[in-house]
Amino acid sequence: MQTYLLEKTDNSVTIGFKDANLTLITPLMRALNDDDNVELVRYVDKHPELMDKTLYIQVKSGDAVAALQKASETVADYFSGIKA
């Protein structure tokens, strides 16, 4: 699965996923939803042959990319068995 940045604003980011795997995206969304600073998380899945899947993240304050990084580390720690 390959990820890429589609759009970034002051309080949001949209990430694209080529050959998306929900096995990773689902726990990532759960970790983002558990973050009190994250206001909105949307997973967009349109026609699979016409458009890549995307993840939209909006935060109340700060940087949405930092929230994504934090959630990614939480998921990585969980699956590697490391307790944070």
PDB file of N, CA and C in Angstrom:
ATOM      1  N   MET A   1       0.843  -1.166   0.000  1.00  0.00           N
ATOM      2  CA  MET A   1       0.000   0.000   0.000  1.00  0.00           C
ATOM      3  C   MET A   1       0.893   1.235   0.000  1.00  0.00           C
ATOM      4  N   GLN A   2       0.587   2.147  -0.860  1.00  0.00           N
ATOM      5  CA  GLN A   2       1.340   3.388  -0.971  1.00  0.00           C
ATOM      6  C   GLN A   2       0.452   4.551  -0.542  1.00  0.00           C
ATOM      7  N   THR A   3       1.004   5.470   0.250  1.00  0.00           N
ATOM      8  CA  THR A   3       0.250   6.642   0.687  1.00  0.00           C
ATOM      9  C   THR A   3       0.839   7.896   0.067  1.00  0.00           C
ATOM     10  N   TYR A   4       0.009   8.903  -0.091  1.00  0.00           N
ATOM     11  CA  TYR A   4       0.477  10.178  -0.629  1.00  0.00           C
ATOM     12  C   TYR A   4      -0.429  11.303  -0.138  1.00  0.00           C
ATOM     13  N   LEU A   5       0.133  12.489  -0.061  1.00  0.00           N
ATOM     14  CA  LEU A   5      -0.582  13.677   0.405  1.00  0.00           C
ATOM     15  C   LEU A   5      -1.393  14.267  -0.742  1.00  0.00           C
ATOM     16  N   LEU A   6      -2.696  14.408  -0.526  1.00  0.00           N
ATOM     17  CA  LEU A   6      -3.562  15.025  -1.529  1.00  0.00           C
ATOM     18  C   LEU A   6      -3.771  16.503  -1.265  1.00  0.00           C
ATOM     19  N   GLU A   7      -4.026  16.841  -0.002  1.00  0.00           N
ATOM     20  CA  GLU A   7      -4.308  18.235   0.341  1.00  0.00           C
ATOM     21  C   GLU A   7      -3.993  18.471   1.816  1.00  0.00           C
ATOM     22  N   LYS A   8      -3.474  19.653   2.105  1.00  0.00           N
ATOM     23  CA  LYS A   8      -3.194  20.031   3.488  1.00  0.00           C
ATOM     24  C   LYS A   8      -3.608  21.475   3.689  1.00  0.00           C
ATOM     25  N   THR A   9      -4.366  21.719   4.773  1.00  0.00           N
ATOM     26  CA  THR A   9      -4.747  23.074   5.164  1.00  0.00           C
ATOM     27  C   THR A   9      -4.207  23.318   6.572  1.00  0.00           C
ATOM     28  N   ASP A  10      -4.579  24.441   7.161  1.00  0.00           N
ATOM     29  CA  ASP A  10      -4.102  24.757   8.510  1.00  0.00           C
ATOM     30  C   ASP A  10      -4.543  23.726   9.544  1.00  0.00           C
ATOM     31  N   ASN A  11      -5.748  23.167   9.377  1.00  0.00           N
ATOM     32  CA  ASN A  11      -6.253  22.238  10.397  1.00  0.00           C
ATOM     33  C   ASN A  11      -6.734  20.897   9.838  1.00  0.00           C
ATOM     34  N   SER A  12      -6.381  20.589   8.582  1.00  0.00           N
ATOM     35  CA  SER A  12      -6.818  19.312   8.017  1.00  0.00           C
ATOM     36  C   SER A  12      -5.794  18.774   7.024  1.00  0.00           C
ATOM     37  N   VAL A  13      -5.950  17.485   6.745  1.00  0.00           N
ATOM     38  CA  VAL A  13      -5.094  16.837   5.756  1.00  0.00           C
ATOM     39  C   VAL A  13      -5.908  15.735   5.089  1.00  0.00           C
ATOM     40  N   THR A  14      -5.672  15.530   3.798  1.00  0.00           N
ATOM     41  CA  THR A  14      -6.281  14.437   3.058  1.00  0.00           C
ATOM     42  C   THR A  14      -5.163  13.573   2.505  1.00  0.00           C
ATOM     43  N   ILE A  15      -5.198  12.292   2.868  1.00  0.00           N
ATOM     44  CA  ILE A  15      -4.180  11.332   2.464  1.00  0.00           C
ATOM     45  C   ILE A  15      -4.805  10.348   1.487  1.00  0.00           C
ATOM     46  N   GLY A  16      -4.109  10.049   0.391  1.00  0.00           N
ATOM     47  CA  GLY A  16      -4.572   9.054  -0.573  1.00  0.00           C
ATOM     48  C   GLY A  16      -3.877   7.727  -0.337  1.00  0.00           C
ATOM     49  N   PHE A  17      -4.574   6.641  -0.658  1.00  0.00           N
ATOM     50  CA  PHE A  17      -4.041   5.291  -0.501  1.00  0.00           C
ATOM     51  C   PHE A  17      -4.159   4.535  -1.816  1.00  0.00           C
ATOM     52  N   LYS A  18      -3.031   4.161  -2.367  1.00  0.00           N
ATOM     53  CA  LYS A  18      -3.010   3.316  -3.549  1.00  0.00           C
ATOM     54  C   LYS A  18      -2.994   1.872  -3.076  1.00  0.00           C
ATOM     55  N   ASP A  19      -3.861   1.041  -3.630  1.00  0.00           N
ATOM     56  CA  ASP A  19      -3.981  -0.362  -3.209  1.00  0.00           C
ATOM     57  C   ASP A  19      -4.227  -0.447  -1.703  1.00  0.00           C
ATOM     58  N   ALA A  20      -5.242   0.279  -1.235  1.00  0.00           N
ATOM     59  CA  ALA A  20      -5.536   0.395   0.192  1.00  0.00           C
ATOM     60  C   ALA A  20      -5.847  -0.953   0.832  1.00  0.00           C
ATOM     61  N   ASN A  21      -5.448  -1.048   2.093  1.00  0.00           N
ATOM     62  CA  ASN A  21      -5.689  -2.240   2.886  1.00  0.00           C
ATOM     63  C   ASN A  21      -6.394  -1.805   4.166  1.00  0.00           C
ATOM     64  N   LEU A  22      -7.650  -2.192   4.310  1.00  0.00           N
ATOM     65  CA  LEU A  22      -8.429  -1.766   5.477  1.00  0.00           C
ATOM     66  C   LEU A  22      -7.904  -2.349   6.781  1.00  0.00           C
ATOM     67  N   THR A  23      -7.076  -3.369   6.694  1.00  0.00           N
ATOM     68  CA  THR A  23      -6.481  -3.946   7.893  1.00  0.00           C
ATOM     69  C   THR A  23      -5.644  -2.912   8.626  1.00  0.00           C
ATOM     70  N   LEU A  24      -5.048  -1.986   7.922  1.00  0.00           N
ATOM     71  CA  LEU A  24      -4.278  -0.910   8.540  1.00  0.00           C
ATOM     72  C   LEU A  24      -5.124   0.348   8.751  1.00  0.00           C
ATOM     73  N   ILE A  25      -5.970   0.659   7.805  1.00  0.00           N
ATOM     74  CA  ILE A  25      -6.738   1.906   7.866  1.00  0.00           C
ATOM     75  C   ILE A  25      -7.750   1.893   9.014  1.00  0.00           C
ATOM     76  N   THR A  26      -8.393   0.779   9.266  1.00  0.00           N
ATOM     77  CA  THR A  26      -9.401   0.713  10.324  1.00  0.00           C
ATOM     78  C   THR A  26      -8.826   1.021  11.710  1.00  0.00           C
ATOM     79  N   PRO A  27      -7.725   0.375  12.141  1.00  0.00           N
ATOM     80  CA  PRO A  27      -7.169   0.744  13.448  1.00  0.00           C
ATOM     81  C   PRO A  27      -6.598   2.162  13.469  1.00  0.00           C
ATOM     82  N   LEU A  28      -6.128   2.649  12.330  1.00  0.00           N
ATOM     83  CA  LEU A  28      -5.639   4.024  12.252  1.00  0.00           C
ATOM     84  C   LEU A  28      -6.786   4.995  12.492  1.00  0.00           C
ATOM     85  N   MET A  29      -7.936   4.733  11.891  1.00  0.00           N
ATOM     86  CA  MET A  29      -9.107   5.584  12.108  1.00  0.00           C
ATOM     87  C   MET A  29      -9.563   5.514  13.566  1.00  0.00           C
ATOM     88  N   ARG A  30      -9.501   4.325  14.160  1.00  0.00           N
ATOM     89  CA  ARG A  30      -9.898   4.170  15.564  1.00  0.00           C
ATOM     90  C   ARG A  30      -8.976   5.000  16.460  1.00  0.00           C
ATOM     91  N   ALA A  31      -7.665   4.953  16.205  1.00  0.00           N
ATOM     92  CA  ALA A  31      -6.719   5.729  17.000  1.00  0.00           C
ATOM     93  C   ALA A  31      -6.949   7.229  16.811  1.00  0.00           C
ATOM     94  N   LEU A  32      -7.267   7.649  15.600  1.00  0.00           N
ATOM     95  CA  LEU A  32      -7.568   9.063  15.353  1.00  0.00           C
ATOM     96  C   LEU A  32      -8.841   9.487  16.084  1.00  0.00           C
ATOM     97  N   ASN A  33      -9.854   8.640  16.062  1.00  0.00           N
ATOM     98  CA  ASN A  33     -11.101   8.958  16.759  1.00  0.00           C
ATOM     99  C   ASN A  33     -10.926   9.023  18.275  1.00  0.00           C
ATOM    100  N   ASP A  34      -9.948   8.313  18.803  1.00  0.00           N
ATOM    101  CA  ASP A  34      -9.669   8.339  20.239  1.00  0.00           C
ATOM    102  C   ASP A  34      -8.921   9.599  20.673  1.00  0.00           C
ATOM    103  N   ASP A  35      -8.377  10.338  19.721  1.00  0.00           N
ATOM    104  CA  ASP A  35      -7.634  11.566  20.006  1.00  0.00           C
ATOM    105  C   ASP A  35      -8.629  12.712  20.224  1.00  0.00           C
ATOM    106  N   ASP A  36      -8.612  13.308  21.407  1.00  0.00           N
ATOM    107  CA  ASP A  36      -9.548  14.399  21.734  1.00  0.00           C
ATOM    108  C   ASP A  36      -9.385  15.622  20.836  1.00  0.00           C
ATOM    109  N   ASN A  37      -8.208  15.800  20.243  1.00  0.00           N
ATOM    110  CA  ASN A  37      -7.954  16.954  19.395  1.00  0.00           C
ATOM    111  C   ASN A  37      -8.461  16.743  17.964  1.00  0.00           C
ATOM    112  N   VAL A  38      -8.770  15.521  17.605  1.00  0.00           N
ATOM    113  CA  VAL A  38      -9.264  15.241  16.253  1.00  0.00           C
ATOM    114  C   VAL A  38     -10.771  15.488  16.232  1.00  0.00           C
ATOM    115  N   GLU A  39     -11.175  16.376  15.340  1.00  0.00           N
ATOM    116  CA  GLU A  39     -12.588  16.751  15.239  1.00  0.00           C
ATOM    117  C   GLU A  39     -13.351  15.840  14.276  1.00  0.00           C
ATOM    118  N   LEU A  40     -12.690  15.425  13.186  1.00  0.00           N
ATOM    119  CA  LEU A  40     -13.383  14.661  12.158  1.00  0.00           C
ATOM    120  C   LEU A  40     -12.410  13.740  11.443  1.00  0.00           C
ATOM    121  N   VAL A  41     -12.844  12.500  11.223  1.00  0.00           N
ATOM    122  CA  VAL A  41     -12.089  11.534  10.422  1.00  0.00           C
ATOM    123  C   VAL A  41     -13.068  10.940   9.429  1.00  0.00           C
ATOM    124  N   ARG A  42     -12.718  11.004   8.145  1.00  0.00           N
ATOM    125  CA  ARG A  42     -13.582  10.444   7.100  1.00  0.00           C
ATOM    126  C   ARG A  42     -12.761   9.545   6.201  1.00  0.00           C
ATOM    127  N   TYR A  43     -13.295   8.382   5.932  1.00  0.00           N
ATOM    128  CA  TYR A  43     -12.693   7.461   4.977  1.00  0.00           C
ATOM    129  C   TYR A  43     -13.569   7.491   3.739  1.00  0.00           C
ATOM    130  N   VAL A  44     -12.997   7.819   2.589  1.00  0.00           N
ATOM    131  CA  VAL A  44     -13.766   7.953   1.356  1.00  0.00           C
ATOM    132  C   VAL A  44     -13.366   6.831   0.410  1.00  0.00           C
ATOM    133  N   ASP A  45     -14.354   6.039   0.027  1.00  0.00           N
ATOM    134  CA  ASP A  45     -14.138   4.896  -0.854  1.00  0.00           C
ATOM    135  C   ASP A  45     -15.101   5.011  -2.025  1.00  0.00           C
ATOM    136  N   LYS A  46     -14.608   5.524  -3.138  1.00  0.00           N
ATOM    137  CA  LYS A  46     -15.439   5.643  -4.336  1.00  0.00           C
ATOM    138  C   LYS A  46     -15.167   4.442  -5.235  1.00  0.00           C
ATOM    139  N   HIS A  47     -15.471   4.529  -6.474  1.00  0.00           N
ATOM    140  CA  HIS A  47     -15.271   3.411  -7.396  1.00  0.00           C
ATOM    141  C   HIS A  47     -13.798   2.995  -7.401  1.00  0.00           C
ATOM    142  N   PRO A  48     -13.499   1.724  -7.093  1.00  0.00           N
ATOM    143  CA  PRO A  48     -12.103   1.297  -6.910  1.00  0.00           C
ATOM    144  C   PRO A  48     -11.233   1.390  -8.156  1.00  0.00           C
ATOM    145  N   GLU A  49     -11.829   1.366  -9.327  1.00  0.00           N
ATOM    146  CA  GLU A  49     -11.031   1.451 -10.551  1.00  0.00           C
ATOM    147  C   GLU A  49     -10.858   2.880 -11.048  1.00  0.00           C
ATOM    148  N   LEU A  50     -11.595   3.814 -10.453  1.00  0.00           N
ATOM    149  CA  LEU A  50     -11.540   5.192 -10.924  1.00  0.00           C
ATOM    150  C   LEU A  50     -10.826   6.134  -9.963  1.00  0.00           C
ATOM    151  N   MET A  51     -10.793   5.791  -8.680  1.00  0.00           N
ATOM    152  CA  MET A  51     -10.221   6.713  -7.702  1.00  0.00           C
ATOM    153  C   MET A  51      -9.655   5.937  -6.521  1.00  0.00           C
ATOM    154  N   ASP A  52      -8.501   6.385  -6.037  1.00  0.00           N
ATOM    155  CA  ASP A  52      -7.919   5.786  -4.842  1.00  0.00           C
ATOM    156  C   ASP A  52      -8.751   6.136  -3.623  1.00  0.00           C
ATOM    157  N   LYS A  53      -8.656   5.320  -2.603  1.00  0.00           N
ATOM    158  CA  LYS A  53      -9.325   5.598  -1.335  1.00  0.00           C
ATOM    159  C   LYS A  53      -8.590   6.736  -0.630  1.00  0.00           C
ATOM    160  N   THR A  54      -9.327   7.531   0.160  1.00  0.00           N
ATOM    161  CA  THR A  54      -8.712   8.665   0.851  1.00  0.00           C
ATOM    162  C   THR A  54      -9.143   8.694   2.310  1.00  0.00           C
ATOM    163  N   LEU A  55      -8.328   9.353   3.107  1.00  0.00           N
ATOM    164  CA  LEU A  55      -8.618   9.561   4.521  1.00  0.00           C
ATOM    165  C   LEU A  55      -8.482  11.054   4.787  1.00  0.00           C
ATOM    166  N   TYR A  56      -9.566  11.644   5.305  1.00  0.00           N
ATOM    167  CA  TYR A  56      -9.598  13.075   5.626  1.00  0.00           C
ATOM    168  C   TYR A  56      -9.559  13.219   7.141  1.00  0.00           C
ATOM    169  N   ILE A  57      -8.652  14.049   7.638  1.00  0.00           N
ATOM    170  CA  ILE A  57      -8.501  14.268   9.072  1.00  0.00           C
ATOM    171  C   ILE A  57      -8.558  15.762   9.345  1.00  0.00           C
ATOM    172  N   GLN A  58      -9.440  16.170  10.274  1.00  0.00           N
ATOM    173  CA  GLN A  58      -9.544  17.563  10.682  1.00  0.00           C
ATOM    174  C   GLN A  58      -9.344  17.632  12.192  1.00  0.00           C
ATOM    175  N   VAL A  59      -8.491  18.560  12.627  1.00  0.00           N
ATOM    176  CA  VAL A  59      -8.213  18.710  14.054  1.00  0.00           C
ATOM    177  C   VAL A  59      -8.788  20.022  14.571  1.00  0.00           C
ATOM    178  N   LYS A  60      -9.011  20.084  15.888  1.00  0.00           N
ATOM    179  CA  LYS A  60      -9.525  21.303  16.521  1.00  0.00           C
ATOM    180  C   LYS A  60      -8.458  22.380  16.546  1.00  0.00           C
ATOM    181  N   SER A  61      -7.226  21.967  16.850  1.00  0.00           N
ATOM    182  CA  SER A  61      -6.095  22.903  16.850  1.00  0.00           C
ATOM    183  C   SER A  61      -4.827  22.133  16.542  1.00  0.00           C
ATOM    184  N   GLY A  62      -3.822  22.850  16.080  1.00  0.00           N
ATOM    185  CA  GLY A  62      -2.551  22.206  15.767  1.00  0.00           C
ATOM    186  C   GLY A  62      -2.508  21.669  14.350  1.00  0.00           C
ATOM    187  N   ASP A  63      -1.661  20.675  14.151  1.00  0.00           N
ATOM    188  CA  ASP A  63      -1.372  20.143  12.828  1.00  0.00           C
ATOM    189  C   ASP A  63      -2.011  18.760  12.660  1.00  0.00           C
ATOM    190  N   ALA A  64      -2.794  18.583  11.606  1.00  0.00           N
ATOM    191  CA  ALA A  64      -3.447  17.298  11.344  1.00  0.00           C
ATOM    192  C   ALA A  64      -2.430  16.213  11.022  1.00  0.00           C
ATOM    193  N   VAL A  65      -1.319  16.585  10.398  1.00  0.00           N
ATOM    194  CA  VAL A  65      -0.278  15.603  10.087  1.00  0.00           C
ATOM    195  C   VAL A  65       0.327  15.068  11.386  1.00  0.00           C
ATOM    196  N   ALA A  66       0.477  15.916  12.384  1.00  0.00           N
ATOM    197  CA  ALA A  66       0.994  15.472  13.685  1.00  0.00           C
ATOM    198  C   ALA A  66       0.015  14.493  14.339  1.00  0.00           C
ATOM    199  N   ALA A  67      -1.275  14.731  14.195  1.00  0.00           N
ATOM    200  CA  ALA A  67      -2.280  13.809  14.733  1.00  0.00           C
ATOM    201  C   ALA A  67      -2.202  12.465  14.014  1.00  0.00           C
ATOM    202  N   LEU A  68      -1.996  12.499  12.711  1.00  0.00           N
ATOM    203  CA  LEU A  68      -1.846  11.271  11.936  1.00  0.00           C
ATOM    204  C   LEU A  68      -0.590  10.514  12.353  1.00  0.00           C
ATOM    205  N   GLN A  69       0.490  11.240  12.573  1.00  0.00           N
ATOM    206  CA  GLN A  69       1.747  10.627  13.019  1.00  0.00           C
ATOM    207  C   GLN A  69       1.561   9.958  14.385  1.00  0.00           C
ATOM    208  N   LYS A  70       0.901  10.654  15.293  1.00  0.00           N
ATOM    209  CA  LYS A  70       0.651  10.112  16.636  1.00  0.00           C
ATOM    210  C   LYS A  70      -0.195   8.843  16.550  1.00  0.00           C
ATOM    211  N   ALA A  71      -1.248   8.871  15.735  1.00  0.00           N
ATOM    212  CA  ALA A  71      -2.104   7.694  15.567  1.00  0.00           C
ATOM    213  C   ALA A  71      -1.336   6.544  14.927  1.00  0.00           C
ATOM    214  N   SER A  72      -0.481   6.854  13.969  1.00  0.00           N
ATOM    215  CA  SER A  72       0.336   5.825  13.315  1.00  0.00           C
ATOM    216  C   SER A  72       1.266   5.150  14.309  1.00  0.00           C
ATOM    217  N   GLU A  73       1.862   5.939  15.192  1.00  0.00           N
ATOM    218  CA  GLU A  73       2.749   5.377  16.215  1.00  0.00           C
ATOM    219  C   GLU A  73       1.971   4.507  17.203  1.00  0.00           C
ATOM    220  N   THR A  74       0.760   4.937  17.562  1.00  0.00           N
ATOM    221  CA  THR A  74      -0.092   4.156  18.462  1.00  0.00           C
ATOM    222  C   THR A  74      -0.408   2.798  17.848  1.00  0.00           C
ATOM    223  N   VAL A  75      -0.782   2.789  16.570  1.00  0.00           N
ATOM    224  CA  VAL A  75      -1.107   1.541  15.875  1.00  0.00           C
ATOM    225  C   VAL A  75       0.133   0.663  15.743  1.00  0.00           C
ATOM    226  N   ALA A  76       1.264   1.266  15.395  1.00  0.00           N
ATOM    227  CA  ALA A  76       2.506   0.498  15.258  1.00  0.00           C
ATOM    228  C   ALA A  76       2.904  -0.128  16.590  1.00  0.00           C
ATOM    229  N   ASP A  77       2.781   0.638  17.667  1.00  0.00           N
ATOM    230  CA  ASP A  77       3.108   0.111  18.997  1.00  0.00           C
ATOM    231  C   ASP A  77       2.181  -1.035  19.370  1.00  0.00           C
ATOM    232  N   TYR A  78       0.911  -0.893  19.066  1.00  0.00           N
ATOM    233  CA  TYR A  78      -0.064  -1.940  19.408  1.00  0.00           C
ATOM    234  C   TYR A  78       0.269  -3.246  18.686  1.00  0.00           C
ATOM    235  N   PHE A  79       0.546  -3.153  17.391  1.00  0.00           N
ATOM    236  CA  PHE A  79       0.803  -4.357  16.616  1.00  0.00           C
ATOM    237  C   PHE A  79       2.190  -4.946  16.840  1.00  0.00           C
ATOM    238  N   SER A  80       3.093  -4.145  17.387  1.00  0.00           N
ATOM    239  CA  SER A  80       4.426  -4.683  17.678  1.00  0.00           C
ATOM    240  C   SER A  80       4.514  -5.208  19.114  1.00  0.00           C
ATOM    241  N   GLY A  81       3.459  -4.979  19.895  1.00  0.00           N
ATOM    242  CA  GLY A  81       3.421  -5.480  21.272  1.00  0.00           C
ATOM    243  C   GLY A  81       4.077  -4.564  22.279  1.00  0.00           C
ATOM    244  N   ILE A  82       4.459  -3.344  21.868  1.00  0.00           N
ATOM    245  CA  ILE A  82       5.091  -2.384  22.767  1.00  0.00           C
ATOM    246  C   ILE A  82       4.001  -1.623  23.520  1.00  0.00           C
ATOM    247  N   LYS A  83       4.125  -1.500  24.807  1.00  0.00           N
ATOM    248  CA  LYS A  83       3.174  -0.736  25.612  1.00  0.00           C
ATOM    249  C   LYS A  83       3.664   0.707  25.723  1.00  0.00           C
ATOM    250  N   ALA A  84       2.796   1.655  25.371  1.00  0.00           N
ATOM    251  CA  ALA A  84       3.162   3.072  25.431  1.00  0.00           C
ATOM    252  C   ALA A  84       2.940   3.629  26.818  1.00  0.00           C
TER     253      ALA A  84
END
